């Protein structure tokens, strides 16, 4: 008998892959890696709070499967090699063998809350697929409760302004698609600042989110400080 829900967080591992390279152009490589780990672990903490689900780190690098970074009670699954579409397909097919519903989350949306995951799972009680749109035209959350052909994953063009529109259109040809609330990914400095504002509006921040907010506030202040002058 299949288990109910698997939630996979897609991550890259420092030392093995470049992490947040676009953000690093503004805040530096070390700070960008630190943000990636902050963000990933906060998303992992949120996934762990979904009691009816088994959480997974979906890890890009085989060498990092036994490494120090990905713990917190979540299991591990290797994405495998190939394009993003091939890796999404592989993880979806693997988890779908053992779970009735599969949810994917990106690691660069630490403001995602349990309520959004619960909303997606509620949608999947009747729908075949569900998306949480990101403001750049992609998606921060995908959920599926029905088979998806490899062609649909592979024919989608990712990291484009119409990525969600493409894959949603393809999936509507084989099943029903629902949408939950939109959030934003953090890829650039403007989004990094926006995340600080978003976290600052939360009433009950977890300790990890408070630590991330302090980290963001410090770096924004540092970046926006007027240049010092010397006589």
C-alpha atoms as a PDB file:
ATOM      1  CA  UNK A   1       0.000   0.000   0.000  1.00  0.00           C
ATOM      2  CA  UNK A   2       1.275   3.444  -0.928  1.00  0.00           C
ATOM      3  CA  UNK A   3       2.031   6.049   1.719  1.00  0.00           C
ATOM      4  CA  UNK A   4       0.169   9.338   1.471  1.00  0.00           C
ATOM      5  CA  UNK A   5       2.539  12.248   0.804  1.00  0.00           C
ATOM      6  CA  UNK A   6       6.171  12.837  -0.151  1.00  0.00           C
ATOM      7  CA  UNK A   7       7.612  16.360  -0.184  1.00  0.00           C
ATOM      8  CA  UNK A   8      10.950  16.821  -1.946  1.00  0.00           C
ATOM      9  CA  UNK A   9      13.081  19.957  -1.578  1.00  0.00           C
ATOM     10  CA  UNK A  10      15.448  20.429  -4.512  1.00  0.00           C
ATOM     11  CA  UNK A  11      18.895  21.521  -3.354  1.00  0.00           C
ATOM     12  CA  UNK A  12      22.417  22.072  -4.561  1.00  0.00           C
ATOM     13  CA  UNK A  13      25.323  21.449  -2.218  1.00  0.00           C
ATOM     14  CA  UNK A  14      28.125  23.938  -1.479  1.00  0.00           C
ATOM     15  CA  UNK A  15      31.606  22.705  -2.403  1.00  0.00           C
ATOM     16  CA  UNK A  16      30.072  20.561  -5.151  1.00  0.00           C
ATOM     17  CA  UNK A  17      27.910  23.066  -7.075  1.00  0.00           C
ATOM     18  CA  UNK A  18      27.608  26.811  -7.525  1.00  0.00           C
ATOM     19  CA  UNK A  19      24.839  28.166  -5.276  1.00  0.00           C
ATOM     20  CA  UNK A  20      22.892  31.412  -5.826  1.00  0.00           C
ATOM     21  CA  UNK A  21      25.376  32.751  -8.399  1.00  0.00           C
ATOM     22  CA  UNK A  22      23.155  35.693  -9.423  1.00  0.00           C
ATOM     23  CA  UNK A  23      22.713  36.825  -5.831  1.00  0.00           C
ATOM     24  CA  UNK A  24      26.447  36.340  -5.239  1.00  0.00           C
ATOM     25  CA  UNK A  25      27.191  39.107  -7.738  1.00  0.00           C
ATOM     26  CA  UNK A  26      25.826  41.584  -5.190  1.00  0.00           C
ATOM     27  CA  UNK A  27      26.418  40.102  -1.729  1.00  0.00           C
ATOM     28  CA  UNK A  28      29.440  37.919  -2.474  1.00  0.00           C
ATOM     29  CA  UNK A  29      29.875  34.166  -2.829  1.00  0.00           C
ATOM     30  CA  UNK A  30      30.286  33.381   0.873  1.00  0.00           C
ATOM     31  CA  UNK A  31      27.140  35.276   1.877  1.00  0.00           C
ATOM     32  CA  UNK A  32      25.166  33.765  -1.016  1.00  0.00           C
ATOM     33  CA  UNK A  33      26.118  30.242   0.078  1.00  0.00           C
ATOM     34  CA  UNK A  34      25.176  31.092   3.653  1.00  0.00           C
ATOM     35  CA  UNK A  35      21.797  32.356   2.453  1.00  0.00           C
ATOM     36  CA  UNK A  36      21.260  29.176   0.418  1.00  0.00           C
ATOM     37  CA  UNK A  37      21.854  27.035   3.504  1.00  0.00           C
ATOM     38  CA  UNK A  38      19.694  29.279   5.688  1.00  0.00           C
ATOM     39  CA  UNK A  39      16.870  29.152   3.145  1.00  0.00           C
ATOM     40  CA  UNK A  40      17.117  25.414   2.494  1.00  0.00           C
ATOM     41  CA  UNK A  41      17.064  24.511   6.168  1.00  0.00           C
ATOM     42  CA  UNK A  42      14.113  26.804   6.867  1.00  0.00           C
ATOM     43  CA  UNK A  43      12.155  25.129   4.059  1.00  0.00           C
ATOM     44  CA  UNK A  44      13.200  21.775   5.535  1.00  0.00           C
ATOM     45  CA  UNK A  45      11.913  22.838   8.946  1.00  0.00           C
ATOM     46  CA  UNK A  46       8.583  23.815   7.378  1.00  0.00           C
ATOM     47  CA  UNK A  47       8.305  20.486   5.553  1.00  0.00           C
ATOM     48  CA  UNK A  48       9.024  18.623   8.794  1.00  0.00           C
ATOM     49  CA  UNK A  49       6.003  20.319  10.375  1.00  0.00           C
ATOM     50  CA  UNK A  50       3.661  18.631   7.868  1.00  0.00           C
ATOM     51  CA  UNK A  51       2.907  15.584   9.969  1.00  0.00           C
ATOM     52  CA  UNK A  52       1.177  13.513   7.277  1.00  0.00           C
ATOM     53  CA  UNK A  53       4.149  13.803   4.906  1.00  0.00           C
ATOM     54  CA  UNK A  54       7.606  12.304   4.533  1.00  0.00           C
ATOM     55  CA  UNK A  55      10.145  14.960   3.660  1.00  0.00           C
ATOM     56  CA  UNK A  56      13.090  14.430   1.315  1.00  0.00           C
ATOM     57  CA  UNK A  57      16.166  16.376   0.335  1.00  0.00           C
ATOM     58  CA  UNK A  58      16.389  15.965  -3.434  1.00  0.00           C
ATOM     59  CA  UNK A  59      20.130  16.391  -3.832  1.00  0.00           C
ATOM     60  CA  UNK A  60      21.807  17.370  -7.092  1.00  0.00           C
ATOM     61  CA  UNK A  61      25.172  15.744  -6.442  1.00  0.00           C
ATOM     62  CA  UNK A  62      25.734  12.055  -5.770  1.00  0.00           C
ATOM     63  CA  UNK A  63      28.905  12.912  -3.819  1.00  0.00           C
ATOM     64  CA  UNK A  64      26.866  14.949  -1.326  1.00  0.00           C
ATOM     65  CA  UNK A  65      24.373  12.227  -0.430  1.00  0.00           C
ATOM     66  CA  UNK A  66      26.346  11.241   2.674  1.00  0.00           C
ATOM     67  CA  UNK A  67      27.656  14.719   3.408  1.00  0.00           C
ATOM     68  CA  UNK A  68      27.228  17.096   6.314  1.00  0.00           C
ATOM     69  CA  UNK A  69      24.652  19.490   4.896  1.00  0.00           C
ATOM     70  CA  UNK A  70      21.362  17.674   4.505  1.00  0.00           C
ATOM     71  CA  UNK A  71      19.914  16.312   7.730  1.00  0.00           C
ATOM     72  CA  UNK A  72      17.112  17.457   9.988  1.00  0.00           C
ATOM     73  CA  UNK A  73      15.190  14.196   9.884  1.00  0.00           C
ATOM     74  CA  UNK A  74      14.460  14.318   6.150  1.00  0.00           C
ATOM     75  CA  UNK A  75      15.376  11.388   3.921  1.00  0.00           C
ATOM     76  CA  UNK A  76      17.586  11.824   0.866  1.00  0.00           C
ATOM     77  CA  UNK A  77      17.017  11.123  -2.798  1.00  0.00           C
ATOM     78  CA  UNK A  78      19.506  11.768  -5.604  1.00  0.00           C
ATOM     79  CA  UNK A  79      18.215  13.823  -8.527  1.00  0.00           C
ATOM     80  CA  UNK A  80      20.365  11.942 -10.992  1.00  0.00           C
ATOM     81  CA  UNK A  81      22.110  13.380 -14.014  1.00  0.00           C
ATOM     82  CA  UNK A  82      20.721  15.273 -16.976  1.00  0.00           C
ATOM     83  CA  UNK A  83      18.642  18.371 -17.634  1.00  0.00           C
ATOM     84  CA  UNK A  84      16.292  19.828 -15.049  1.00  0.00           C
ATOM     85  CA  UNK A  85      13.364  18.184 -16.831  1.00  0.00           C
ATOM     86  CA  UNK A  86      15.068  14.783 -16.690  1.00  0.00           C
ATOM     87  CA  UNK A  87      15.829  15.211 -12.983  1.00  0.00           C
ATOM     88  CA  UNK A  88      12.298  16.333 -12.125  1.00  0.00           C
ATOM     89  CA  UNK A  89      10.932  13.355 -14.020  1.00  0.00           C
ATOM     90  CA  UNK A  90      13.259  10.912 -12.278  1.00  0.00           C
ATOM     91  CA  UNK A  91      12.411  12.116  -8.770  1.00  0.00           C
ATOM     92  CA  UNK A  92       8.672  12.261  -9.524  1.00  0.00           C
ATOM     93  CA  UNK A  93       8.591   8.750 -10.968  1.00  0.00           C
ATOM     94  CA  UNK A  94      10.635   7.351  -8.075  1.00  0.00           C
ATOM     95  CA  UNK A  95       8.532   8.907  -5.309  1.00  0.00           C
ATOM     96  CA  UNK A  96       5.245   8.173  -7.091  1.00  0.00           C
ATOM     97  CA  UNK A  97       6.000   4.457  -6.788  1.00  0.00           C
ATOM     98  CA  UNK A  98       5.618   4.674  -2.993  1.00  0.00           C
ATOM     99  CA  UNK A  99       3.443   7.755  -2.376  1.00  0.00           C
ATOM    100  CA  UNK A 100      -0.044   8.780  -3.480  1.00  0.00           C
ATOM    101  CA  UNK A 101       0.863  12.476  -3.692  1.00  0.00           C
ATOM    102  CA  UNK A 102       4.225  14.083  -4.444  1.00  0.00           C
ATOM    103  CA  UNK A 103       5.096  17.719  -3.798  1.00  0.00           C
ATOM    104  CA  UNK A 104       8.220  19.529  -5.019  1.00  0.00           C
ATOM    105  CA  UNK A 105       9.547  22.686  -3.362  1.00  0.00           C
ATOM    106  CA  UNK A 106      12.397  24.959  -4.326  1.00  0.00           C
ATOM    107  CA  UNK A 107      14.976  25.823  -1.681  1.00  0.00           C
ATOM    108  CA  UNK A 108      15.011  29.561  -2.431  1.00  0.00           C
ATOM    109  CA  UNK A 109      11.578  30.478  -1.077  1.00  0.00           C
ATOM    110  CA  UNK A 110      12.036  30.406   2.726  1.00  0.00           C
ATOM    111  CA  UNK A 111       8.864  32.415   3.324  1.00  0.00           C
ATOM    112  CA  UNK A 112       6.735  29.425   2.288  1.00  0.00           C
ATOM    113  CA  UNK A 113       4.623  28.309   5.223  1.00  0.00           C
ATOM    114  CA  UNK A 114       2.900  25.117   6.272  1.00  0.00           C
ATOM    115  CA  UNK A 115      -0.422  26.739   5.323  1.00  0.00           C
ATOM    116  CA  UNK A 116       0.609  26.856   1.649  1.00  0.00           C
ATOM    117  CA  UNK A 117       1.619  23.190   1.679  1.00  0.00           C
ATOM    118  CA  UNK A 118      -1.633  22.284   3.420  1.00  0.00           C
ATOM    119  CA  UNK A 119      -3.536  24.278   0.789  1.00  0.00           C
ATOM    120  CA  UNK A 120      -1.778  22.389  -2.008  1.00  0.00           C
ATOM    121  CA  UNK A 121      -2.582  19.044  -0.383  1.00  0.00           C
ATOM    122  CA  UNK A 122      -6.212  20.085  -0.021  1.00  0.00           C
ATOM    123  CA  UNK A 123      -6.328  20.910  -3.744  1.00  0.00           C
ATOM    124  CA  UNK A 124      -4.873  17.487  -4.551  1.00  0.00           C
ATOM    125  CA  UNK A 125      -7.814  15.776  -2.864  1.00  0.00           C
ATOM    126  CA  UNK A 126      -9.769  16.539  -6.055  1.00  0.00           C
ATOM    127  CA  UNK A 127      -7.269  17.833  -8.615  1.00  0.00           C
ATOM    128  CA  UNK A 128      -4.537  15.875 -10.384  1.00  0.00           C
ATOM    129  CA  UNK A 129      -1.933  18.629 -10.169  1.00  0.00           C
ATOM    130  CA  UNK A 130      -1.352  21.884  -8.286  1.00  0.00           C
ATOM    131  CA  UNK A 131       1.108  24.764  -8.610  1.00  0.00           C
ATOM    132  CA  UNK A 132       2.265  27.560  -6.372  1.00  0.00           C
ATOM    133  CA  UNK A 133       3.257  30.268  -8.894  1.00  0.00           C
ATOM    134  CA  UNK A 134       6.378  32.349  -8.423  1.00  0.00           C
ATOM    135  CA  UNK A 135       6.381  35.957  -9.514  1.00  0.00           C
ATOM    136  CA  UNK A 136       9.037  35.374 -12.192  1.00  0.00           C
ATOM    137  CA  UNK A 137       6.743  33.091 -14.205  1.00  0.00           C
ATOM    138  CA  UNK A 138       7.903  29.788 -12.743  1.00  0.00           C
ATOM    139  CA  UNK A 139       6.684  27.944  -9.676  1.00  0.00           C
ATOM    140  CA  UNK A 140       7.909  27.512  -6.105  1.00  0.00           C
ATOM    141  CA  UNK A 141       5.637  24.505  -5.481  1.00  0.00           C
ATOM    142  CA  UNK A 142       4.406  21.650  -7.627  1.00  0.00           C
ATOM    143  CA  UNK A 143       2.148  18.844  -6.497  1.00  0.00           C
ATOM    144  CA  UNK A 144       0.982  15.785  -8.385  1.00  0.00           C
ATOM    145  CA  UNK A 145      -1.333  12.861  -7.744  1.00  0.00           C
ATOM    146  CA  UNK A 146      -1.347  11.343 -11.244  1.00  0.00           C
ATOM    147  CA  UNK A 147       1.221   9.998 -13.736  1.00  0.00           C
ATOM    148  CA  UNK A 148       3.181  12.464 -15.895  1.00  0.00           C
ATOM    149  CA  UNK A 149       4.992  11.467 -19.054  1.00  0.00           C
ATOM    150  CA  UNK A 150       8.697  12.116 -19.368  1.00  0.00           C
ATOM    151  CA  UNK A 151       7.966  14.201 -22.473  1.00  0.00           C
ATOM    152  CA  UNK A 152       6.009  16.798 -20.484  1.00  0.00           C
ATOM    153  CA  UNK A 153       8.879  17.340 -18.048  1.00  0.00           C
ATOM    154  CA  UNK A 154      11.484  17.420 -20.815  1.00  0.00           C
ATOM    155  CA  UNK A 155       9.614  19.637 -23.273  1.00  0.00           C
ATOM    156  CA  UNK A 156       9.071  22.409 -20.713  1.00  0.00           C
ATOM    157  CA  UNK A 157      11.523  25.311 -20.987  1.00  0.00           C
ATOM    158  CA  UNK A 158      12.590  26.186 -17.454  1.00  0.00           C
ATOM    159  CA  UNK A 159      13.733  29.513 -15.981  1.00  0.00           C
ATOM    160  CA  UNK A 160      11.631  31.481 -18.469  1.00  0.00           C
ATOM    161  CA  UNK A 161       8.856  33.998 -17.906  1.00  0.00           C
ATOM    162  CA  UNK A 162       6.241  31.514 -19.152  1.00  0.00           C
ATOM    163  CA  UNK A 163       7.539  28.278 -17.596  1.00  0.00           C
ATOM    164  CA  UNK A 164       4.439  27.798 -15.448  1.00  0.00           C
ATOM    165  CA  UNK A 165       2.156  28.554 -18.395  1.00  0.00           C
ATOM    166  CA  UNK A 166       3.952  25.956 -20.523  1.00  0.00           C
ATOM    167  CA  UNK A 167       3.840  23.059 -18.084  1.00  0.00           C
ATOM    168  CA  UNK A 168       0.347  23.920 -16.853  1.00  0.00           C
ATOM    169  CA  UNK A 169      -0.930  23.857 -20.430  1.00  0.00           C
ATOM    170  CA  UNK A 170       0.684  20.454 -21.006  1.00  0.00           C
ATOM    171  CA  UNK A 171      -0.726  18.982 -17.798  1.00  0.00           C
ATOM    172  CA  UNK A 172      -4.235  20.249 -18.549  1.00  0.00           C
ATOM    173  CA  UNK A 173      -4.223  17.911 -21.544  1.00  0.00           C
ATOM    174  CA  UNK A 174      -4.001  14.899 -19.211  1.00  0.00           C
ATOM    175  CA  UNK A 175      -5.689  16.045 -15.985  1.00  0.00           C
ATOM    176  CA  UNK A 176      -6.994  18.873 -13.817  1.00  0.00           C
ATOM    177  CA  UNK A 177      -4.725  21.672 -12.586  1.00  0.00           C
ATOM    178  CA  UNK A 178      -5.266  23.962  -9.585  1.00  0.00           C
ATOM    179  CA  UNK A 179      -3.348  27.041  -8.440  1.00  0.00           C
ATOM    180  CA  UNK A 180      -2.575  28.255  -4.914  1.00  0.00           C
ATOM    181  CA  UNK A 181      -1.222  31.607  -3.768  1.00  0.00           C
ATOM    182  CA  UNK A 182       1.788  33.201  -5.438  1.00  0.00           C
ATOM    183  CA  UNK A 183       5.158  33.829  -3.748  1.00  0.00           C
ATOM    184  CA  UNK A 184       8.562  34.974  -4.987  1.00  0.00           C
ATOM    185  CA  UNK A 185      11.907  33.199  -5.292  1.00  0.00           C
ATOM    186  CA  UNK A 186      15.087  34.871  -4.138  1.00  0.00           C
ATOM    187  CA  UNK A 187      17.537  35.070  -7.030  1.00  0.00           C
ATOM    188  CA  UNK A 188      18.564  38.744  -7.017  1.00  0.00           C
ATOM    189  CA  UNK A 189      19.354  41.434  -4.454  1.00  0.00           C
ATOM    190  CA  UNK A 190      15.989  43.183  -4.869  1.00  0.00           C
ATOM    191  CA  UNK A 191      14.247  39.912  -3.952  1.00  0.00           C
ATOM    192  CA  UNK A 192      16.684  39.443  -1.078  1.00  0.00           C
ATOM    193  CA  UNK A 193      15.595  42.823   0.310  1.00  0.00           C
ATOM    194  CA  UNK A 194      11.949  41.985  -0.358  1.00  0.00           C
ATOM    195  CA  UNK A 195      12.355  38.790   1.646  1.00  0.00           C
ATOM    196  CA  UNK A 196      13.553  40.826   4.615  1.00  0.00           C
ATOM    197  CA  UNK A 197      10.406  42.933   4.411  1.00  0.00           C
ATOM    198  CA  UNK A 198       8.232  39.819   4.108  1.00  0.00           C
ATOM    199  CA  UNK A 199       9.840  38.087   7.081  1.00  0.00           C
ATOM    200  CA  UNK A 200       9.596  41.281   9.114  1.00  0.00           C
ATOM    201  CA  UNK A 201       5.812  41.216   8.666  1.00  0.00           C
ATOM    202  CA  UNK A 202       5.470  37.696  10.116  1.00  0.00           C
ATOM    203  CA  UNK A 203       3.992  37.679  13.619  1.00  0.00           C
ATOM    204  CA  UNK A 204       5.580  34.468  14.881  1.00  0.00           C
ATOM    205  CA  UNK A 205       8.998  33.876  13.371  1.00  0.00           C
ATOM    206  CA  UNK A 206      10.782  30.654  14.156  1.00  0.00           C
ATOM    207  CA  UNK A 207      14.312  31.048  15.589  1.00  0.00           C
ATOM    208  CA  UNK A 208      15.800  30.106  12.207  1.00  0.00           C
ATOM    209  CA  UNK A 209      13.698  32.726  10.409  1.00  0.00           C
ATOM    210  CA  UNK A 210      14.696  35.352  12.984  1.00  0.00           C
ATOM    211  CA  UNK A 211      18.337  34.483  12.363  1.00  0.00           C
ATOM    212  CA  UNK A 212      17.805  34.780   8.611  1.00  0.00           C
ATOM    213  CA  UNK A 213      16.056  38.137   9.018  1.00  0.00           C
ATOM    214  CA  UNK A 214      18.982  39.486  11.049  1.00  0.00           C
ATOM    215  CA  UNK A 215      21.376  38.192   8.389  1.00  0.00           C
ATOM    216  CA  UNK A 216      19.404  39.923   5.623  1.00  0.00           C
ATOM    217  CA  UNK A 217      19.085  43.207   7.540  1.00  0.00           C
ATOM    218  CA  UNK A 218      22.836  43.274   8.193  1.00  0.00           C
ATOM    219  CA  UNK A 219      23.752  42.629   4.559  1.00  0.00           C
ATOM    220  CA  UNK A 220      21.228  45.121   3.174  1.00  0.00           C
ATOM    221  CA  UNK A 221      22.530  47.787   5.530  1.00  0.00           C
ATOM    222  CA  UNK A 222      26.085  46.940   4.492  1.00  0.00           C
ATOM    223  CA  UNK A 223      25.253  47.057   0.764  1.00  0.00           C
ATOM    224  CA  UNK A 224      23.325  50.311   0.967  1.00  0.00           C
ATOM    225  CA  UNK A 225      25.678  52.200   3.265  1.00  0.00           C
ATOM    226  CA  UNK A 226      27.273  55.234   1.606  1.00  0.00           C
ATOM    227  CA  UNK A 227      30.902  54.690   0.649  1.00  0.00           C
ATOM    228  CA  UNK A 228      33.341  55.877   3.272  1.00  0.00           C
ATOM    229  CA  UNK A 229      35.610  58.747   2.435  1.00  0.00           C
ATOM    230  CA  UNK A 230      39.128  59.219   3.630  1.00  0.00           C
ATOM    231  CA  UNK A 231      40.934  62.533   3.896  1.00  0.00           C
END
